[in-house]
Amino acid sequence: MSQQAFIEKIALIAQEEMKRSGVPASLTIAQAILESGWGTSELATKANNLFGIKGTGPAGIYQKVSPEYVDNKKIEKLSDFRKYNNWLESVQDHTAKLLKPIYAKVLGASYIVACHAVQDAGYATDPNYAQELIERIEKYELYQYDSQGGQTMPLPILIIDPGHGGSDPGAVGANGLKEKDLNLQISLYQYARFQALGVPVVLTRASDITLTPDQRTKLVRESGAKYCISNHINAGGGDGAETIYSIHSDGKLANKIAEALSTSGQNVRRVFSRQGKPNYDYYFMHRETGSVETVIVEYGFIDSKQDDVEQIQRDWKIWSESIVKYFCDFIGVPYKSPTENPQPEAKPVDKPVDKVSIEINGKVLPVQGYLKDGISTLPVRVVSEAVGVTPGWCPDNKTVTVNGKQLTVTNETGTSYAPAREIASALGLQVEWVQETKTVKLKG
């Protein structure tokens, strides 16, 4: 394959990934060229691995001795690399890797900024990595692939922040509910809906990881977004939702979000701002997020003595959708409900025999799957995004894919489910069934 043919083949995939993620196509192509030697490397030819990503892939593991840099000294090391069924899976996995919070500066950036951002975030150990990427982009004019229809790809207009996470659970209810899990559940839903509606959006975290206040606010500041919605669940025994805005804001977005929650059935306690020392915001998410319009949303109380706990568990998706709708109205983007912009059509799930818990790498997800006829089925999007992979949906043949693998899906209340073993295989994870606790354990 000629160099130009290689560029064109990867460019087709890279531009599609850029549309849905914001990862510059030029960066993806340059990394593929550099990492795979124009598709001729051992990893590319024997494992379809274009980017040298380590771990277990959809097609298993490929072991290889490779050079690494330790304290700027080159060494040789035997490592496990991900094996893919094709180059499409490899490029999609590359996108998933760059959607992790540490690579937030890559999204929507110019190629020069993006190249330095991947190096600064530790993507490669070669101290000259960024410059080598830039040289290839400029030599082969790969920056031309960062334009779509004559327009450069947009920066995200919104960054969604699932509060807390990892070692910081946030508020914890007597019923075992953890704020960090609910925040992530709400945020992943909103992220998927905004993507479906064409709203450029990113996340501060897409899985259960720990972020310090400095890391979190830096991600928001450097995202390029104009607005930030920071999702939280309150504590203290009260009841109802609150939205909080900066003392330097006009509060219009906070009031719009409060209106959304009110019209969707949740009572709103108040919309307010809070000052610390003179002319300084009390909350660091307002104080340290720069020019980004940040609204903290408290959906209800995890320890409510009234009905918030029941409502949070029952109505979280209704509330999340209402915010999606009202935010679209706020920024002037046409809104379509999930029924107007449907998820993949599939045969409905009959009444489940039993519910099953889902655990990924030791972390229990805040959602459940179903056990039917001896087969456990899990929600595709939540499970996939918990490990940093975004499922694909093809409107032409109405199929759901994960890492390029088509899944056998069923549908219940707008959520697509697939057999646990199918999802695990597509994600390169091992699956274990624990009968005593009716838990599906996924490990990778």
Protein backbone atom coordinates (compact mmCIF):
# COMPACT_ATOMS: atom_id res chain seq x y z
CA MET A 1 0.00 0.00 0.00
CA SER A 2 1.36 3.42 -0.95
CA GLN A 3 1.72 6.18 1.62
CA GLN A 4 -1.11 8.19 0.04
CA ALA A 5 -3.39 5.15 -0.01
CA PHE A 6 -2.64 4.58 3.68
CA ILE A 7 -3.43 8.22 4.50
CA GLU A 8 -6.71 8.10 2.60
CA LYS A 9 -7.79 4.84 4.22
CA ILE A 10 -7.11 6.07 7.76
CA ALA A 11 -8.46 9.55 6.98
CA LEU A 12 -11.92 8.21 6.17
CA ILE A 13 -12.16 6.61 9.60
CA ALA A 14 -10.39 9.45 11.42
CA GLN A 15 -12.77 12.09 10.07
CA GLU A 16 -15.81 10.09 11.18
CA GLU A 17 -14.27 9.75 14.64
CA MET A 18 -13.51 13.49 14.67
CA LYS A 19 -17.17 14.29 13.98
CA ARG A 20 -18.36 12.39 17.03
CA SER A 21 -15.49 13.05 19.42
CA GLY A 22 -13.53 16.20 18.56
CA VAL A 23 -10.21 14.32 18.23
CA PRO A 24 -8.42 16.04 15.30
CA ALA A 25 -8.21 13.74 12.29
CA SER A 26 -4.69 15.01 11.56
CA LEU A 27 -3.53 13.80 14.96
CA THR A 28 -5.07 10.35 14.48
CA ILE A 29 -3.50 9.94 11.02
CA ALA A 30 -0.09 11.18 12.16
CA GLN A 31 -0.08 8.84 15.15
CA ALA A 32 -1.07 5.92 12.91
CA ILE A 33 1.79 6.75 10.52
CA LEU A 34 4.34 7.13 13.30
CA GLU A 35 3.25 4.22 15.48
CA SER A 36 2.66 1.69 12.69
CA GLY A 37 5.28 2.65 10.12
CA TRP A 38 2.61 3.32 7.52
CA GLY A 39 0.78 0.14 8.49
CA THR A 40 3.79 -2.12 8.03
CA SER A 41 4.82 -2.70 11.64
CA GLU A 42 4.59 -6.09 13.31
CA LEU A 43 1.73 -4.87 15.49
CA ALA A 44 -0.18 -3.43 12.54
CA THR A 45 0.18 -6.51 10.33
CA LYS A 46 -0.25 -9.22 12.97
CA ALA A 47 -2.54 -7.53 15.50
CA ASN A 48 -4.19 -4.70 13.49
CA ASN A 49 -2.82 -2.41 16.23
CA LEU A 50 -1.93 0.94 14.64
CA PHE A 51 -1.21 2.91 17.80
CA GLY A 52 0.75 0.59 20.07
CA ILE A 53 -2.03 0.53 22.67
CA LYS A 54 -1.32 -2.02 25.37
CA GLY A 55 -3.69 -4.42 27.11
CA THR A 56 -6.33 -6.87 25.93
CA GLY A 57 -8.18 -6.02 22.72
CA PRO A 58 -11.34 -7.33 21.04
CA ALA A 59 -9.26 -10.10 19.42
CA GLY A 60 -7.08 -10.79 22.46
CA ILE A 61 -3.41 -10.09 23.24
CA TYR A 62 -0.28 -9.85 21.11
CA GLN A 63 3.05 -9.98 22.96
CA LYS A 64 6.02 -8.07 21.64
CA VAL A 65 9.32 -6.58 22.76
CA SER A 66 9.18 -2.84 22.24
CA PRO A 67 11.36 0.21 22.97
CA GLU A 68 10.43 2.50 25.86
CA TYR A 69 12.01 5.50 27.49
CA VAL A 70 12.79 5.58 31.22
CA ASP A 71 14.39 8.81 32.46
CA ASN A 72 15.00 9.68 28.78
CA LYS A 73 16.96 6.43 28.31
CA LYS A 74 15.81 3.90 25.71
CA ILE A 75 15.19 0.34 26.95
CA GLU A 76 13.61 -2.84 25.52
CA LYS A 77 10.63 -4.43 27.28
CA LEU A 78 8.24 -7.35 26.61
CA SER A 79 4.67 -6.07 26.74
CA ASP A 80 1.08 -7.18 26.05
CA PHE A 81 -0.54 -5.23 23.22
CA ARG A 82 -4.19 -5.09 22.21
CA LYS A 83 -5.15 -7.21 19.22
CA TYR A 84 -7.97 -6.06 16.91
CA ASN A 85 -10.02 -7.66 14.18
CA ASN A 86 -9.43 -4.74 11.80
CA TRP A 87 -8.03 -1.22 11.58
CA LEU A 88 -11.44 0.34 12.21
CA GLU A 89 -11.48 -1.17 15.72
CA SER A 90 -7.97 0.15 16.30
CA VAL A 91 -8.87 3.72 15.33
CA GLN A 92 -12.07 3.62 17.41
CA ASP A 93 -10.08 2.42 20.42
CA HIS A 94 -7.60 5.26 19.86
CA THR A 95 -10.53 7.71 20.02
CA ALA A 96 -11.80 6.10 23.22
CA LYS A 97 -8.36 6.51 24.78
CA LEU A 98 -8.22 10.20 23.90
CA LEU A 99 -11.69 10.82 25.36
CA LYS A 100 -10.31 10.18 28.84
CA PRO A 101 -10.14 13.33 30.98
CA ILE A 102 -6.32 13.57 30.92
CA TYR A 103 -6.53 14.22 27.17
CA ALA A 104 -9.20 16.94 27.38
CA LYS A 105 -6.91 19.54 25.77
CA VAL A 106 -6.78 17.41 22.60
CA LEU A 107 -10.48 17.77 21.80
CA GLY A 108 -11.25 20.44 19.25
CA ALA A 109 -7.68 21.74 19.38
CA SER A 110 -5.39 22.80 16.55
CA TYR A 111 -2.97 20.09 15.50
CA ILE A 112 -0.01 21.79 17.22
CA VAL A 113 -1.84 22.06 20.54
CA ALA A 114 -3.18 18.50 20.18
CA CYS A 115 0.27 17.02 19.51
CA HIS A 116 1.78 18.65 22.57
CA ALA A 117 -1.28 17.72 24.64
CA VAL A 118 -0.94 13.98 23.98
CA GLN A 119 2.73 14.11 24.92
CA ASP A 120 2.11 16.20 28.04
CA ALA A 121 -0.59 13.73 29.14
CA GLY A 122 1.88 10.85 28.92
CA TYR A 123 0.61 9.08 25.78
CA ALA A 124 4.17 8.17 24.77
CA THR A 125 7.50 8.10 26.59
CA ASP A 126 9.53 9.46 23.65
CA PRO A 127 10.54 13.05 24.62
CA ASN A 128 10.40 14.07 20.92
CA TYR A 129 6.96 12.54 20.30
CA ALA A 130 5.04 15.80 19.78
CA GLN A 131 7.57 17.22 17.35
CA GLU A 132 7.64 14.01 15.31
CA LEU A 133 3.85 14.15 14.95
CA ILE A 134 3.91 17.81 13.93
CA GLU A 135 6.59 17.16 11.30
CA ARG A 136 4.45 14.43 9.69
CA ILE A 137 1.27 16.54 9.77
CA GLU A 138 3.02 19.42 8.03
CA LYS A 139 5.01 17.29 5.56
CA TYR A 140 1.93 15.39 4.34
CA GLU A 141 -0.51 18.30 4.86
CA LEU A 142 -2.65 16.18 7.16
CA TYR A 143 -4.21 19.33 8.64
CA GLN A 144 -6.49 19.45 5.59
CA TYR A 145 -8.44 16.54 7.09
CA ASP A 146 -9.36 18.67 10.11
CA SER A 147 -11.87 20.56 7.96
CA GLN A 148 -15.39 19.31 7.36
CA GLY A 149 -17.30 20.85 4.47
CA GLY A 150 -14.96 23.82 4.50
CA GLN A 151 -15.52 24.36 8.24
CA THR A 152 -13.05 23.47 10.95
CA MET A 153 -14.49 21.24 13.65
CA PRO A 154 -16.16 23.14 16.47
CA LEU A 155 -14.91 23.40 19.99
CA PRO A 156 -17.27 21.88 22.56
CA ILE A 157 -19.92 24.32 23.70
CA LEU A 158 -20.61 22.31 26.85
CA ILE A 159 -18.54 20.31 29.32
CA ILE A 160 -20.45 18.06 31.73
CA ASP A 161 -18.85 17.42 35.11
CA PRO A 162 -19.97 14.35 37.09
CA GLY A 163 -19.07 15.53 40.59
CA HIS A 164 -16.78 13.50 42.88
CA GLY A 165 -15.64 10.02 41.74
CA GLY A 166 -13.04 7.38 42.54
CA SER A 167 -11.85 7.63 46.13
CA ASP A 168 -14.27 10.54 46.70
CA PRO A 169 -17.82 9.09 46.92
CA GLY A 170 -19.48 12.43 47.68
CA ALA A 171 -22.65 12.14 49.72
CA VAL A 172 -23.69 8.63 50.78
CA GLY A 173 -27.24 7.68 51.72
CA ALA A 174 -28.31 5.21 54.37
CA ASN A 175 -29.72 3.10 51.55
CA GLY A 176 -26.23 2.56 50.10
CA LEU A 177 -26.60 5.11 47.27
CA LYS A 178 -23.41 6.99 46.45
CA GLU A 179 -23.48 10.45 44.96
CA LYS A 180 -20.52 9.78 42.64
CA ASP A 181 -22.39 6.90 40.96
CA LEU A 182 -25.60 8.89 40.46
CA ASN A 183 -23.65 11.89 39.15
CA LEU A 184 -21.92 9.69 36.57
CA GLN A 185 -25.14 7.96 35.56
CA ILE A 186 -26.87 11.29 34.91
CA SER A 187 -23.85 12.75 33.11
CA LEU A 188 -23.31 9.79 30.78
CA TYR A 189 -26.97 9.92 29.78
CA GLN A 190 -26.84 13.65 29.07
CA TYR A 191 -23.55 13.27 27.19
CA ALA A 192 -25.05 10.61 24.90
CA ARG A 193 -28.18 12.68 24.28
CA PHE A 194 -26.26 15.86 23.45
CA GLN A 195 -24.08 13.88 21.05
CA ALA A 196 -27.18 12.47 19.36
CA LEU A 197 -28.52 16.03 18.98
CA GLY A 198 -25.28 17.33 17.47
CA VAL A 199 -24.29 19.51 20.44
CA PRO A 200 -20.47 19.55 20.81
CA VAL A 201 -19.91 18.18 24.33
CA VAL A 202 -17.15 16.66 26.48
CA LEU A 203 -16.90 15.19 29.99
CA THR A 204 -14.52 15.78 32.87
CA ARG A 205 -14.73 12.06 33.63
CA ALA A 206 -16.42 9.13 31.89
CA SER A 207 -15.72 6.49 34.53
CA ASP A 208 -15.19 6.13 38.27
CA ILE A 209 -11.88 7.96 38.60
CA THR A 210 -10.55 10.41 41.17
CA LEU A 211 -10.06 14.04 40.16
CA THR A 212 -8.56 16.65 42.46
CA PRO A 213 -10.22 20.09 42.46
CA ASP A 214 -7.26 21.45 40.48
CA GLN A 215 -7.50 18.66 37.88
CA ARG A 216 -11.26 19.06 37.56
CA THR A 217 -11.26 22.84 37.15
CA LYS A 218 -8.29 22.72 34.75
CA LEU A 219 -10.23 20.33 32.52
CA VAL A 220 -13.15 22.76 32.49
CA ARG A 221 -11.00 25.85 31.88
CA GLU A 222 -9.03 24.27 29.05
CA SER A 223 -11.93 22.46 27.39
CA GLY A 224 -12.78 25.39 25.12
CA ALA A 225 -16.41 25.09 26.25
CA LYS A 226 -18.60 28.09 26.97
CA TYR A 227 -20.79 26.34 29.56
CA CYS A 228 -20.32 23.72 32.25
CA ILE A 229 -23.02 21.71 34.03
CA SER A 230 -21.62 20.18 37.22
CA ASN A 231 -23.95 17.39 38.37
CA HIS A 232 -24.41 16.63 42.06
CA ILE A 233 -26.75 15.06 44.61
CA ASN A 234 -27.26 17.03 47.83
CA ALA A 235 -27.15 15.94 51.47
CA GLY A 236 -28.30 17.35 54.77
CA GLY A 237 -31.84 16.08 55.09
CA GLY A 238 -33.58 18.63 52.89
CA ASP A 239 -35.82 18.04 49.89
CA GLY A 240 -35.82 19.34 46.32
CA ALA A 241 -33.40 20.58 43.69
CA GLU A 242 -31.04 23.55 43.74
CA THR A 243 -29.04 25.28 41.03
CA ILE A 244 -26.07 27.46 41.94
CA TYR A 245 -24.37 30.05 39.73
CA SER A 246 -21.35 32.34 40.03
CA ILE A 247 -21.67 35.73 41.67
CA HIS A 248 -20.27 37.09 38.40
CA SER A 249 -23.03 35.47 36.31
CA ASP A 250 -26.49 36.76 35.43
CA GLY A 251 -27.95 33.41 36.54
CA LYS A 252 -29.98 32.91 33.36
CA LEU A 253 -28.69 29.38 32.68
CA ALA A 254 -29.15 28.37 36.33
CA ASN A 255 -32.75 29.57 36.20
CA LYS A 256 -33.31 27.76 32.91
CA ILE A 257 -32.08 24.47 34.41
CA ALA A 258 -34.23 25.00 37.51
CA GLU A 259 -37.23 25.55 35.25
CA ALA A 260 -36.42 22.29 33.46
CA LEU A 261 -36.37 20.34 36.72
CA SER A 262 -39.58 21.98 37.91
CA THR A 263 -41.49 21.17 34.73
CA SER A 264 -40.27 17.56 34.89
CA GLY A 265 -41.77 17.00 38.33
CA GLN A 266 -39.05 17.89 40.86
CA ASN A 267 -39.66 20.69 43.33
CA VAL A 268 -37.01 23.41 43.27
CA ARG A 269 -35.85 24.79 46.61
CA ARG A 270 -33.87 27.72 45.30
CA VAL A 271 -31.64 29.20 42.60
CA PHE A 272 -28.78 31.13 44.15
CA SER A 273 -25.14 32.23 44.19
CA ARG A 274 -22.83 32.34 47.19
CA GLN A 275 -19.95 34.68 47.94
CA GLY A 276 -16.87 33.76 49.94
CA LYS A 277 -14.51 36.60 50.63
CA PRO A 278 -15.42 39.90 48.94
CA ASN A 279 -15.83 39.56 45.15
CA TYR A 280 -14.89 35.85 45.26
CA ASP A 281 -17.16 32.87 44.71
CA TYR A 282 -17.58 30.45 47.59
CA TYR A 283 -17.54 27.28 45.41
CA PHE A 284 -14.30 26.34 43.63
CA MET A 285 -16.25 25.17 40.57
CA HIS A 286 -17.23 28.81 40.07
CA ARG A 287 -14.05 30.37 41.39
CA GLU A 288 -11.52 28.30 39.42
CA THR A 289 -13.21 27.56 36.08
CA GLY A 290 -12.25 30.83 34.41
CA SER A 291 -14.61 32.29 31.83
CA VAL A 292 -16.70 29.12 31.55
CA GLU A 293 -20.29 29.67 32.70
CA THR A 294 -20.56 26.94 35.35
CA VAL A 295 -23.82 25.89 36.97
CA ILE A 296 -23.82 23.43 39.85
CA VAL A 297 -26.96 21.28 39.77
CA GLU A 298 -28.12 19.53 42.95
CA TYR A 299 -30.89 17.18 41.77
CA GLY A 300 -32.20 16.32 45.23
CA PHE A 301 -31.16 15.03 48.65
CA ILE A 302 -29.66 11.57 49.02
CA ASP A 303 -30.78 11.54 52.66
CA SER A 304 -34.15 13.23 52.19
CA LYS A 305 -36.77 12.49 54.86
CA GLN A 306 -39.45 13.13 52.25
CA ASP A 307 -39.50 11.66 48.72
CA ASP A 308 -36.23 12.76 47.04
CA VAL A 309 -34.49 9.39 47.36
CA GLU A 310 -37.34 7.54 45.67
CA GLN A 311 -37.63 10.23 42.99
CA ILE A 312 -33.89 10.26 42.25
CA GLN A 313 -33.90 6.52 41.62
CA ARG A 314 -37.13 6.62 39.63
CA ASP A 315 -37.00 9.94 37.74
CA TRP A 316 -33.29 10.66 37.18
CA LYS A 317 -33.59 10.03 33.44
CA ILE A 318 -36.67 12.28 33.13
CA TRP A 319 -34.84 15.08 34.93
CA SER A 320 -31.70 14.56 32.83
CA GLU A 321 -33.69 14.71 29.59
CA SER A 322 -35.47 17.87 30.68
CA ILE A 323 -32.11 19.60 31.18
CA VAL A 324 -31.00 18.44 27.73
CA LYS A 325 -34.17 19.93 26.25
CA TYR A 326 -33.96 23.26 28.08
CA PHE A 327 -30.22 23.64 27.41
CA CYS A 328 -30.84 23.14 23.68
CA ASP A 329 -33.46 25.89 23.87
CA PHE A 330 -31.01 28.10 25.79
CA ILE A 331 -28.30 27.85 23.09
CA GLY A 332 -30.73 27.81 20.15
CA VAL A 333 -30.20 24.22 18.97
CA PRO A 334 -33.22 22.26 17.64
CA TYR A 335 -34.33 19.61 20.11
CA LYS A 336 -35.73 16.17 19.35
CA SER A 337 -36.97 13.82 22.03
CA PRO A 338 -35.55 10.30 22.23
CA THR A 339 -38.72 9.05 20.49
CA GLU A 340 -38.16 11.49 17.62
CA ASN A 341 -34.44 10.65 17.52
CA PRO A 342 -34.69 7.02 18.58
CA GLN A 343 -32.13 4.57 19.82
CA PRO A 344 -31.74 1.37 17.78
CA GLU A 345 -35.02 -0.41 17.21
CA ALA A 346 -35.01 -3.92 18.59
CA LYS A 347 -37.30 -6.57 19.93
CA PRO A 348 -38.61 -5.49 23.35
CA VAL A 349 -37.45 -7.39 26.39
CA ASP A 350 -40.20 -9.42 28.02
CA LYS A 351 -40.76 -9.03 31.73
CA PRO A 352 -37.39 -9.96 33.28
CA VAL A 353 -37.02 -13.08 35.38
CA ASP A 354 -34.58 -11.34 37.70
CA LYS A 355 -32.29 -8.35 38.00
CA VAL A 356 -28.51 -8.70 38.08
CA SER A 357 -25.83 -6.42 39.48
CA ILE A 358 -22.93 -5.30 37.27
CA GLU A 359 -19.35 -4.99 38.49
CA ILE A 360 -16.48 -3.73 36.32
CA ASN A 361 -12.93 -4.10 37.60
CA GLY A 362 -14.22 -4.22 41.17
CA LYS A 363 -16.58 -1.23 40.84
CA VAL A 364 -20.34 -1.78 41.04
CA LEU A 365 -22.29 0.22 38.45
CA PRO A 366 -25.36 2.21 39.57
CA VAL A 367 -27.51 0.34 37.01
CA GLN A 368 -28.64 -3.27 36.70
CA GLY A 369 -29.07 -5.84 33.98
CA TYR A 370 -31.58 -8.66 33.55
CA LEU A 371 -31.40 -12.43 33.75
CA LYS A 372 -33.63 -14.10 31.18
CA ASP A 373 -33.68 -17.76 30.24
CA GLY A 374 -30.33 -18.21 31.96
CA ILE A 375 -28.68 -15.37 29.99
CA SER A 376 -27.64 -12.10 31.62
CA THR A 377 -28.20 -8.99 29.49
CA LEU A 378 -26.60 -5.64 30.27
CA PRO A 379 -27.23 -2.01 29.18
CA VAL A 380 -24.84 -1.50 26.28
CA ARG A 381 -24.09 2.20 26.57
CA VAL A 382 -23.53 2.40 30.32
CA VAL A 383 -21.27 -0.66 30.41
CA SER A 384 -19.26 0.45 27.36
CA GLU A 385 -18.78 4.03 28.53
CA ALA A 386 -17.73 2.81 31.98
CA VAL A 387 -14.53 1.58 30.31
CA GLY A 388 -14.17 4.56 27.97
CA VAL A 389 -15.77 3.10 24.83
CA THR A 390 -18.66 4.79 22.99
CA PRO A 391 -21.09 2.38 21.28
CA GLY A 392 -21.88 2.87 17.62
CA TRP A 393 -25.32 3.14 16.03
CA CYS A 394 -25.85 2.67 12.29
CA PRO A 395 -29.15 4.25 11.16
CA ASP A 396 -29.01 2.48 7.79
CA ASN A 397 -29.29 -1.07 9.12
CA LYS A 398 -30.24 -0.12 12.69
CA THR A 399 -27.43 -2.01 14.40
CA VAL A 400 -25.52 -1.41 17.60
CA THR A 401 -21.75 -1.95 17.62
CA VAL A 402 -19.06 -1.84 20.28
CA ASN A 403 -15.47 -1.53 19.05
CA GLY A 404 -16.79 -2.41 15.58
CA LYS A 405 -18.53 -5.62 16.70
CA GLN A 406 -22.27 -5.87 16.06
CA LEU A 407 -24.26 -6.89 19.13
CA THR A 408 -27.51 -8.79 19.51
CA VAL A 409 -29.67 -6.18 21.20
CA THR A 410 -33.06 -5.99 22.83
CA ASN A 411 -34.77 -2.83 23.99
CA GLU A 412 -36.53 -1.80 27.17
CA THR A 413 -37.77 1.72 27.92
CA GLY A 414 -35.42 3.21 25.35
CA THR A 415 -32.29 1.39 26.57
CA SER A 416 -30.47 -1.17 24.44
CA TYR A 417 -29.38 -4.40 26.18
CA ALA A 418 -27.05 -7.13 24.93
CA PRO A 419 -25.81 -10.47 26.32
CA ALA A 420 -23.04 -9.98 28.86
CA ARG A 421 -20.65 -12.29 27.02
CA GLU A 422 -21.11 -10.38 23.75
CA ILE A 423 -20.39 -7.03 25.41
CA ALA A 424 -17.40 -8.49 27.29
CA SER A 425 -15.94 -9.92 24.09
CA ALA A 426 -16.35 -6.63 22.23
CA LEU A 427 -14.69 -4.72 25.08
CA GLY A 428 -11.88 -7.26 25.52
CA LEU A 429 -13.00 -8.11 29.06
CA GLN A 430 -13.33 -11.38 30.93
CA VAL A 431 -16.77 -12.21 32.31
CA GLU A 432 -17.71 -14.11 35.45
CA TRP A 433 -21.17 -14.98 36.79
CA VAL A 434 -21.65 -15.12 40.58
CA GLN A 435 -24.84 -17.04 41.24
CA GLU A 436 -25.02 -16.33 44.97
CA THR A 437 -25.26 -12.57 44.51
CA LYS A 438 -26.58 -12.59 40.92
CA THR A 439 -23.68 -10.42 39.81
CA VAL A 440 -21.96 -10.17 36.43
CA LYS A 441 -18.29 -9.37 36.97
CA LEU A 442 -16.32 -7.90 34.06
CA LYS A 443 -12.55 -7.65 34.28
CA GLY A 444 -9.90 -6.33 31.94
